[in-house]
Amino acid sequence: MAETDRMLAVRTRINELAAKAKTPEGLTDDEIAERADLRAEFLENFRAAFRSQVEMLQVFDDDGNEVTPDKVKDIQREKGLRDK
């Protein structure tokens, strides 16, 4: 999944704040709050993308038989990605 411009900007800003936090100057209270908000946004997006990848997953054994977990199959059916 390609990284959106927004998520690239979030990640870049998180890295900028992390670098500044390591300097003697440190972070202001506003920057600490901004960093927490950006981290929460980044993790939310990461979890959603990861969940989407898992939900699209199909697992096959060495013999070519599908062994996708039933829970994943049910989610795929609910989203119309798999026949009922």
PDB file of N, CA and C in Angstrom:
ATOM      1  N   MET A   1       0.845  -1.170   0.000  1.00  0.00           N
ATOM      2  CA  MET A   1       0.000   0.000   0.000  1.00  0.00           C
ATOM      3  C   MET A   1       0.893   1.237   0.000  1.00  0.00           C
ATOM      4  N   ALA A   2       0.611   2.121  -0.910  1.00  0.00           N
ATOM      5  CA  ALA A   2       1.427   3.318  -1.041  1.00  0.00           C
ATOM      6  C   ALA A   2       1.147   4.287   0.104  1.00  0.00           C
ATOM      7  N   GLU A   3       2.181   4.955   0.516  1.00  0.00           N
ATOM      8  CA  GLU A   3       2.051   5.924   1.589  1.00  0.00           C
ATOM      9  C   GLU A   3       1.464   7.222   1.033  1.00  0.00           C
ATOM     10  N   THR A   4       0.429   7.723   1.675  1.00  0.00           N
ATOM     11  CA  THR A   4      -0.189   8.962   1.217  1.00  0.00           C
ATOM     12  C   THR A   4       0.705  10.151   1.560  1.00  0.00           C
ATOM     13  N   ASP A   5       0.440  11.273   0.892  1.00  0.00           N
ATOM     14  CA  ASP A   5       1.212  12.488   1.177  1.00  0.00           C
ATOM     15  C   ASP A   5       1.046  12.903   2.631  1.00  0.00           C
ATOM     16  N   ARG A   6      -0.164  12.744   3.156  1.00  0.00           N
ATOM     17  CA  ARG A   6      -0.413  13.125   4.557  1.00  0.00           C
ATOM     18  C   ARG A   6       0.418  12.262   5.498  1.00  0.00           C
ATOM     19  N   MET A   7       0.433  10.955   5.276  1.00  0.00           N
ATOM     20  CA  MET A   7       1.169  10.070   6.174  1.00  0.00           C
ATOM     21  C   MET A   7       2.674  10.286   6.038  1.00  0.00           C
ATOM     22  N   LEU A   8       3.119  10.621   4.857  1.00  0.00           N
ATOM     23  CA  LEU A   8       4.536  10.957   4.676  1.00  0.00           C
ATOM     24  C   LEU A   8       4.881  12.216   5.474  1.00  0.00           C
ATOM     25  N   ALA A   9       3.998  13.211   5.434  1.00  0.00           N
ATOM     26  CA  ALA A   9       4.221  14.441   6.188  1.00  0.00           C
ATOM     27  C   ALA A   9       4.195  14.166   7.695  1.00  0.00           C
ATOM     28  N   VAL A  10       3.290  13.306   8.135  1.00  0.00           N
ATOM     29  CA  VAL A  10       3.213  12.957   9.558  1.00  0.00           C
ATOM     30  C   VAL A  10       4.501  12.272   9.999  1.00  0.00           C
ATOM     31  N   ARG A  11       4.938  11.299   9.222  1.00  0.00           N
ATOM     32  CA  ARG A  11       6.154  10.570   9.568  1.00  0.00           C
ATOM     33  C   ARG A  11       7.373  11.496   9.583  1.00  0.00           C
ATOM     34  N   THR A  12       7.454  12.383   8.614  1.00  0.00           N
ATOM     35  CA  THR A  12       8.561  13.338   8.546  1.00  0.00           C
ATOM     36  C   THR A  12       8.563  14.245   9.769  1.00  0.00           C
ATOM     37  N   ARG A  13       7.378  14.733  10.147  1.00  0.00           N
ATOM     38  CA  ARG A  13       7.297  15.626  11.311  1.00  0.00           C
ATOM     39  C   ARG A  13       7.630  14.882  12.599  1.00  0.00           C
ATOM     40  N   ILE A  14       7.184  13.645  12.728  1.00  0.00           N
ATOM     41  CA  ILE A  14       7.522  12.836  13.903  1.00  0.00           C
ATOM     42  C   ILE A  14       9.039  12.693  14.006  1.00  0.00           C
ATOM     43  N   ASN A  15       9.693  12.443  12.884  1.00  0.00           N
ATOM     44  CA  ASN A  15      11.150  12.295  12.882  1.00  0.00           C
ATOM     45  C   ASN A  15      11.851  13.614  13.228  1.00  0.00           C
ATOM     46  N   GLU A  16      11.298  14.729  12.754  1.00  0.00           N
ATOM     47  CA  GLU A  16      11.869  16.028  13.097  1.00  0.00           C
ATOM     48  C   GLU A  16      11.776  16.273  14.603  1.00  0.00           C
ATOM     49  N   LEU A  17      10.612  15.968  15.168  1.00  0.00           N
ATOM     50  CA  LEU A  17      10.424  16.163  16.604  1.00  0.00           C
ATOM     51  C   LEU A  17      11.314  15.217  17.414  1.00  0.00           C
ATOM     52  N   ALA A  18      11.498  14.002  16.923  1.00  0.00           N
ATOM     53  CA  ALA A  18      12.366  13.046  17.616  1.00  0.00           C
ATOM     54  C   ALA A  18      13.808  13.550  17.632  1.00  0.00           C
ATOM     55  N   ALA A  19      14.252  14.108  16.516  1.00  0.00           N
ATOM     56  CA  ALA A  19      15.617  14.640  16.449  1.00  0.00           C
ATOM     57  C   ALA A  19      15.763  15.839  17.383  1.00  0.00           C
ATOM     58  N   LYS A  20      14.759  16.703  17.409  1.00  0.00           N
ATOM     59  CA  LYS A  20      14.829  17.876  18.278  1.00  0.00           C
ATOM     60  C   LYS A  20      14.803  17.469  19.753  1.00  0.00           C
ATOM     61  N   ALA A  21      14.067  16.415  20.068  1.00  0.00           N
ATOM     62  CA  ALA A  21      13.976  15.950  21.458  1.00  0.00           C
ATOM     63  C   ALA A  21      15.333  15.498  21.978  1.00  0.00           C
ATOM     64  N   LYS A  22      16.212  15.076  21.084  1.00  0.00           N
ATOM     65  CA  LYS A  22      17.533  14.589  21.483  1.00  0.00           C
ATOM     66  C   LYS A  22      18.547  15.717  21.668  1.00  0.00           C
ATOM     67  N   THR A  23      18.170  16.923  21.284  1.00  0.00           N
ATOM     68  CA  THR A  23      19.086  18.058  21.430  1.00  0.00           C
ATOM     69  C   THR A  23      18.966  18.631  22.839  1.00  0.00           C
ATOM     70  N   PRO A  24      19.944  19.421  23.261  1.00  0.00           N
ATOM     71  CA  PRO A  24      19.862  20.050  24.593  1.00  0.00           C
ATOM     72  C   PRO A  24      18.641  20.963  24.739  1.00  0.00           C
ATOM     73  N   GLU A  25      18.206  21.532  23.629  1.00  0.00           N
ATOM     74  CA  GLU A  25      17.031  22.415  23.637  1.00  0.00           C
ATOM     75  C   GLU A  25      15.762  21.658  24.011  1.00  0.00           C
ATOM     76  N   GLY A  26      15.623  20.433  23.507  1.00  0.00           N
ATOM     77  CA  GLY A  26      14.456  19.606  23.805  1.00  0.00           C
ATOM     78  C   GLY A  26      13.198  20.117  23.131  1.00  0.00           C
ATOM     79  N   LEU A  27      12.065  19.586  23.567  1.00  0.00           N
ATOM     80  CA  LEU A  27      10.770  19.946  22.983  1.00  0.00           C
ATOM     81  C   LEU A  27       9.988  20.843  23.932  1.00  0.00           C
ATOM     82  N   THR A  28       9.212  21.739  23.327  1.00  0.00           N
ATOM     83  CA  THR A  28       8.301  22.559  24.126  1.00  0.00           C
ATOM     84  C   THR A  28       7.083  21.715  24.487  1.00  0.00           C
ATOM     85  N   ASP A  29       6.256  22.216  25.393  1.00  0.00           N
ATOM     86  CA  ASP A  29       5.041  21.488  25.764  1.00  0.00           C
ATOM     87  C   ASP A  29       4.112  21.318  24.568  1.00  0.00           C
ATOM     88  N   ASP A  30       4.035  22.344  23.723  1.00  0.00           N
ATOM     89  CA  ASP A  30       3.201  22.253  22.516  1.00  0.00           C
ATOM     90  C   ASP A  30       3.726  21.179  21.567  1.00  0.00           C
ATOM     91  N   GLU A  31       5.035  21.104  21.432  1.00  0.00           N
ATOM     92  CA  GLU A  31       5.632  20.096  20.547  1.00  0.00           C
ATOM     93  C   GLU A  31       5.442  18.690  21.104  1.00  0.00           C
ATOM     94  N   ILE A  32       5.489  18.559  22.415  1.00  0.00           N
ATOM     95  CA  ILE A  32       5.243  17.240  23.030  1.00  0.00           C
ATOM     96  C   ILE A  32       3.810  16.794  22.743  1.00  0.00           C
ATOM     97  N   ALA A  33       2.866  17.719  22.860  1.00  0.00           N
ATOM     98  CA  ALA A  33       1.467  17.404  22.564  1.00  0.00           C
ATOM     99  C   ALA A  33       1.281  17.082  21.081  1.00  0.00           C
ATOM    100  N   GLU A  34       1.941  17.864  20.208  1.00  0.00           N
ATOM    101  CA  GLU A  34       1.870  17.619  18.767  1.00  0.00           C
ATOM    102  C   GLU A  34       2.425  16.234  18.435  1.00  0.00           C
ATOM    103  N   ARG A  35       3.550  15.888  19.053  1.00  0.00           N
ATOM    104  CA  ARG A  35       4.167  14.580  18.809  1.00  0.00           C
ATOM    105  C   ARG A  35       3.225  13.452  19.216  1.00  0.00           C
ATOM    106  N   ALA A  36       2.557  13.598  20.350  1.00  0.00           N
ATOM    107  CA  ALA A  36       1.614  12.574  20.805  1.00  0.00           C
ATOM    108  C   ALA A  36       0.456  12.430  19.819  1.00  0.00           C
ATOM    109  N   ASP A  37      -0.069  13.557  19.341  1.00  0.00           N
ATOM    110  CA  ASP A  37      -1.170  13.509  18.367  1.00  0.00           C
ATOM    111  C   ASP A  37      -0.726  12.861  17.055  1.00  0.00           C
ATOM    112  N   LEU A  38       0.461  13.227  16.595  1.00  0.00           N
ATOM    113  CA  LEU A  38       0.972  12.663  15.341  1.00  0.00           C
ATOM    114  C   LEU A  38       1.237  11.165  15.467  1.00  0.00           C
ATOM    115  N   ARG A  39       1.776  10.757  16.599  1.00  0.00           N
ATOM    116  CA  ARG A  39       2.019   9.329  16.820  1.00  0.00           C
ATOM    117  C   ARG A  39       0.706   8.557  16.821  1.00  0.00           C
ATOM    118  N   ALA A  40      -0.316   9.108  17.460  1.00  0.00           N
ATOM    119  CA  ALA A  40      -1.622   8.445  17.505  1.00  0.00           C
ATOM    120  C   ALA A  40      -2.208   8.325  16.099  1.00  0.00           C
ATOM    121  N   GLU A  41      -2.100   9.395  15.316  1.00  0.00           N
ATOM    122  CA  GLU A  41      -2.600   9.371  13.938  1.00  0.00           C
ATOM    123  C   GLU A  41      -1.839   8.342  13.105  1.00  0.00           C
ATOM    124  N   PHE A  42      -0.528   8.322  13.253  1.00  0.00           N
ATOM    125  CA  PHE A  42       0.299   7.380  12.500  1.00  0.00           C
ATOM    126  C   PHE A  42      -0.064   5.939  12.851  1.00  0.00           C
ATOM    127  N   LEU A  43      -0.200   5.646  14.150  1.00  0.00           N
ATOM    128  CA  LEU A  43      -0.534   4.281  14.572  1.00  0.00           C
ATOM    129  C   LEU A  43      -1.921   3.863  14.107  1.00  0.00           C
ATOM    130  N   GLU A  44      -2.865   4.784  14.143  1.00  0.00           N
ATOM    131  CA  GLU A  44      -4.213   4.482  13.667  1.00  0.00           C
ATOM    132  C   GLU A  44      -4.185   4.101  12.190  1.00  0.00           C
ATOM    133  N   ASN A  45      -3.455   4.878  11.402  1.00  0.00           N
ATOM    134  CA  ASN A  45      -3.341   4.600   9.972  1.00  0.00           C
ATOM    135  C   ASN A  45      -2.605   3.285   9.724  1.00  0.00           C
ATOM    136  N   PHE A  46      -1.526   3.043  10.485  1.00  0.00           N
ATOM    137  CA  PHE A  46      -0.758   1.808  10.336  1.00  0.00           C
ATOM    138  C   PHE A  46      -1.631   0.595  10.635  1.00  0.00           C
ATOM    139  N   ARG A  47      -2.381   0.664  11.728  1.00  0.00           N
ATOM    140  CA  ARG A  47      -3.242  -0.458  12.109  1.00  0.00           C
ATOM    141  C   ARG A  47      -4.314  -0.710  11.057  1.00  0.00           C
ATOM    142  N   ALA A  48      -4.898   0.354  10.516  1.00  0.00           N
ATOM    143  CA  ALA A  48      -5.927   0.193   9.486  1.00  0.00           C
ATOM    144  C   ALA A  48      -5.337  -0.452   8.233  1.00  0.00           C
ATOM    145  N   ALA A  49      -4.163  -0.024   7.830  1.00  0.00           N
ATOM    146  CA  ALA A  49      -3.524  -0.593   6.644  1.00  0.00           C
ATOM    147  C   ALA A  49      -3.156  -2.060   6.872  1.00  0.00           C
ATOM    148  N   PHE A  50      -2.649  -2.362   8.060  1.00  0.00           N
ATOM    149  CA  PHE A  50      -2.280  -3.742   8.373  1.00  0.00           C
ATOM    150  C   PHE A  50      -3.521  -4.635   8.409  1.00  0.00           C
ATOM    151  N   ARG A  51      -4.596  -4.138   9.031  1.00  0.00           N
ATOM    152  CA  ARG A  51      -5.848  -4.887   9.096  1.00  0.00           C
ATOM    153  C   ARG A  51      -6.365  -5.178   7.679  1.00  0.00           C
ATOM    154  N   SER A  52      -6.266  -4.183   6.807  1.00  0.00           N
ATOM    155  CA  SER A  52      -6.709  -4.353   5.425  1.00  0.00           C
ATOM    156  C   SER A  52      -5.898  -5.440   4.726  1.00  0.00           C
ATOM    157  N   GLN A  53      -4.592  -5.452   4.953  1.00  0.00           N
ATOM    158  CA  GLN A  53      -3.747  -6.477   4.332  1.00  0.00           C
ATOM    159  C   GLN A  53      -4.123  -7.868   4.827  1.00  0.00           C
ATOM    160  N   VAL A  54      -4.349  -7.998   6.122  1.00  0.00           N
ATOM    161  CA  VAL A  54      -4.703  -9.308   6.679  1.00  0.00           C
ATOM    162  C   VAL A  54      -6.058  -9.762   6.150  1.00  0.00           C
ATOM    163  N   GLU A  55      -6.989  -8.824   6.028  1.00  0.00           N
ATOM    164  CA  GLU A  55      -8.320  -9.173   5.543  1.00  0.00           C
ATOM    165  C   GLU A  55      -8.313  -9.606   4.083  1.00  0.00           C
ATOM    166  N   MET A  56      -7.326  -9.193   3.323  1.00  0.00           N
ATOM    167  CA  MET A  56      -7.231  -9.582   1.911  1.00  0.00           C
ATOM    168  C   MET A  56      -6.438 -10.882   1.722  1.00  0.00           C
ATOM    169  N   LEU A  57      -5.895 -11.398   2.784  1.00  0.00           N
ATOM    170  CA  LEU A  57      -4.999 -12.542   2.757  1.00  0.00           C
ATOM    171  C   LEU A  57      -5.713 -13.855   2.424  1.00  0.00           C
ATOM    172  N   GLN A  58      -5.075 -14.666   1.625  1.00  0.00           N
ATOM    173  CA  GLN A  58      -5.506 -16.040   1.406  1.00  0.00           C
ATOM    174  C   GLN A  58      -4.287 -16.919   1.651  1.00  0.00           C
ATOM    175  N   VAL A  59      -4.481 -17.994   2.419  1.00  0.00           N
ATOM    176  CA  VAL A  59      -3.384 -18.865   2.804  1.00  0.00           C
ATOM    177  C   VAL A  59      -3.578 -20.231   2.148  1.00  0.00           C
ATOM    178  N   PHE A  60      -2.504 -20.766   1.572  1.00  0.00           N
ATOM    179  CA  PHE A  60      -2.550 -22.069   0.924  1.00  0.00           C
ATOM    180  C   PHE A  60      -1.455 -22.958   1.499  1.00  0.00           C
ATOM    181  N   ASP A  61      -1.767 -24.248   1.663  1.00  0.00           N
ATOM    182  CA  ASP A  61      -0.760 -25.183   2.158  1.00  0.00           C
ATOM    183  C   ASP A  61       0.100 -25.673   0.995  1.00  0.00           C
ATOM    184  N   ASP A  62       1.022 -26.572   1.279  1.00  0.00           N
ATOM    185  CA  ASP A  62       1.954 -27.069   0.262  1.00  0.00           C
ATOM    186  C   ASP A  62       1.260 -27.813  -0.871  1.00  0.00           C
ATOM    187  N   ASP A  63       0.075 -28.360  -0.589  1.00  0.00           N
ATOM    188  CA  ASP A  63      -0.664 -29.103  -1.609  1.00  0.00           C
ATOM    189  C   ASP A  63      -1.575 -28.212  -2.443  1.00  0.00           C
ATOM    190  N   GLY A  64      -1.595 -26.928  -2.139  1.00  0.00           N
ATOM    191  CA  GLY A  64      -2.426 -26.004  -2.902  1.00  0.00           C
ATOM    192  C   GLY A  64      -3.835 -25.841  -2.354  1.00  0.00           C
ATOM    193  N   ASN A  65      -4.101 -26.428  -1.196  1.00  0.00           N
ATOM    194  CA  ASN A  65      -5.422 -26.293  -0.591  1.00  0.00           C
ATOM    195  C   ASN A  65      -5.473 -24.994   0.222  1.00  0.00           C
ATOM    196  N   GLU A  66      -6.600 -24.307   0.097  1.00  0.00           N
ATOM    197  CA  GLU A  66      -6.736 -23.066   0.854  1.00  0.00           C
ATOM    198  C   GLU A  66      -6.970 -23.384   2.326  1.00  0.00           C
ATOM    199  N   VAL A  67      -6.189 -22.760   3.198  1.00  0.00           N
ATOM    200  CA  VAL A  67      -6.304 -22.961   4.641  1.00  0.00           C
ATOM    201  C   VAL A  67      -6.454 -21.606   5.354  1.00  0.00           C
ATOM    202  N   THR A  68      -7.079 -20.668   4.660  1.00  0.00           N
ATOM    203  CA  THR A  68      -7.312 -19.354   5.247  1.00  0.00           C
ATOM    204  C   THR A  68      -8.173 -19.523   6.497  1.00  0.00           C
ATOM    205  N   PRO A  69      -7.823 -18.865   7.601  1.00  0.00           N
ATOM    206  CA  PRO A  69      -8.628 -18.984   8.817  1.00  0.00           C
ATOM    207  C   PRO A  69     -10.077 -18.555   8.575  1.00  0.00           C
ATOM    208  N   ASP A  70     -11.004 -19.245   9.244  1.00  0.00           N
ATOM    209  CA  ASP A  70     -12.430 -18.962   9.063  1.00  0.00           C
ATOM    210  C   ASP A  70     -12.770 -17.521   9.421  1.00  0.00           C
ATOM    211  N   LYS A  71     -12.134 -16.994  10.427  1.00  0.00           N
ATOM    212  CA  LYS A  71     -12.398 -15.609  10.839  1.00  0.00           C
ATOM    213  C   LYS A  71     -12.112 -14.651   9.689  1.00  0.00           C
ATOM    214  N   VAL A  72     -11.018 -14.876   8.983  1.00  0.00           N
ATOM    215  CA  VAL A  72     -10.656 -14.015   7.855  1.00  0.00           C
ATOM    216  C   VAL A  72     -11.642 -14.230   6.709  1.00  0.00           C
ATOM    217  N   LYS A  73     -12.029 -15.481   6.462  1.00  0.00           N
ATOM    218  CA  LYS A  73     -13.016 -15.761   5.415  1.00  0.00           C
ATOM    219  C   LYS A  73     -14.330 -15.054   5.699  1.00  0.00           C
ATOM    220  N   ASP A  74     -14.759 -15.052   6.964  1.00  0.00           N
ATOM    221  CA  ASP A  74     -16.009 -14.388   7.339  1.00  0.00           C
ATOM    222  C   ASP A  74     -15.931 -12.885   7.082  1.00  0.00           C
ATOM    223  N   ILE A  75     -14.815 -12.278   7.420  1.00  0.00           N
ATOM    224  CA  ILE A  75     -14.630 -10.845   7.184  1.00  0.00           C
ATOM    225  C   ILE A  75     -14.651 -10.563   5.690  1.00  0.00           C
ATOM    226  N   GLN A  76     -14.003 -11.414   4.905  1.00  0.00           N
ATOM    227  CA  GLN A  76     -13.989 -11.235   3.458  1.00  0.00           C
ATOM    228  C   GLN A  76     -15.396 -11.358   2.880  1.00  0.00           C
ATOM    229  N   ARG A  77     -16.199 -12.277   3.405  1.00  0.00           N
ATOM    230  CA  ARG A  77     -17.581 -12.427   2.942  1.00  0.00           C
ATOM    231  C   ARG A  77     -18.402 -11.183   3.269  1.00  0.00           C
ATOM    232  N   GLU A  78     -18.215 -10.662   4.470  1.00  0.00           N
ATOM    233  CA  GLU A  78     -18.942  -9.455   4.897  1.00  0.00           C
ATOM    234  C   GLU A  78     -18.618  -8.269   3.990  1.00  0.00           C
ATOM    235  N   LYS A  79     -17.392  -8.199   3.517  1.00  0.00           N
ATOM    236  CA  LYS A  79     -16.962  -7.082   2.665  1.00  0.00           C
ATOM    237  C   LYS A  79     -17.198  -7.362   1.181  1.00  0.00           C
ATOM    238  N   GLY A  80     -17.764  -8.536   0.877  1.00  0.00           N
ATOM    239  CA  GLY A  80     -18.050  -8.867  -0.516  1.00  0.00           C
ATOM    240  C   GLY A  80     -16.824  -9.273  -1.308  1.00  0.00           C
ATOM    241  N   LEU A  81     -15.773  -9.681  -0.611  1.00  0.00           N
ATOM    242  CA  LEU A  81     -14.536 -10.080  -1.286  1.00  0.00           C
ATOM    243  C   LEU A  81     -14.483 -11.575  -1.576  1.00  0.00           C
ATOM    244  N   ARG A  82     -15.458 -12.295  -1.071  1.00  0.00           N
ATOM    245  CA  ARG A  82     -15.479 -13.738  -1.207  1.00  0.00           C
ATOM    246  C   ARG A  82     -16.932 -14.169  -1.377  1.00  0.00           C
ATOM    247  N   ASP A  83     -17.140 -15.252  -2.142  1.00  0.00           N
ATOM    248  CA  ASP A  83     -18.498 -15.788  -2.310  1.00  0.00           C
ATOM    249  C   ASP A  83     -19.040 -16.255  -0.974  1.00  0.00           C
ATOM    250  N   LYS A  84     -20.323 -16.132  -0.816  1.00  0.00           N
ATOM    251  CA  LYS A  84     -20.981 -16.549   0.442  1.00  0.00           C
ATOM    252  C   LYS A  84     -20.980 -18.016   0.544  1.00  0.00           C
TER     253      LYS A  84
END
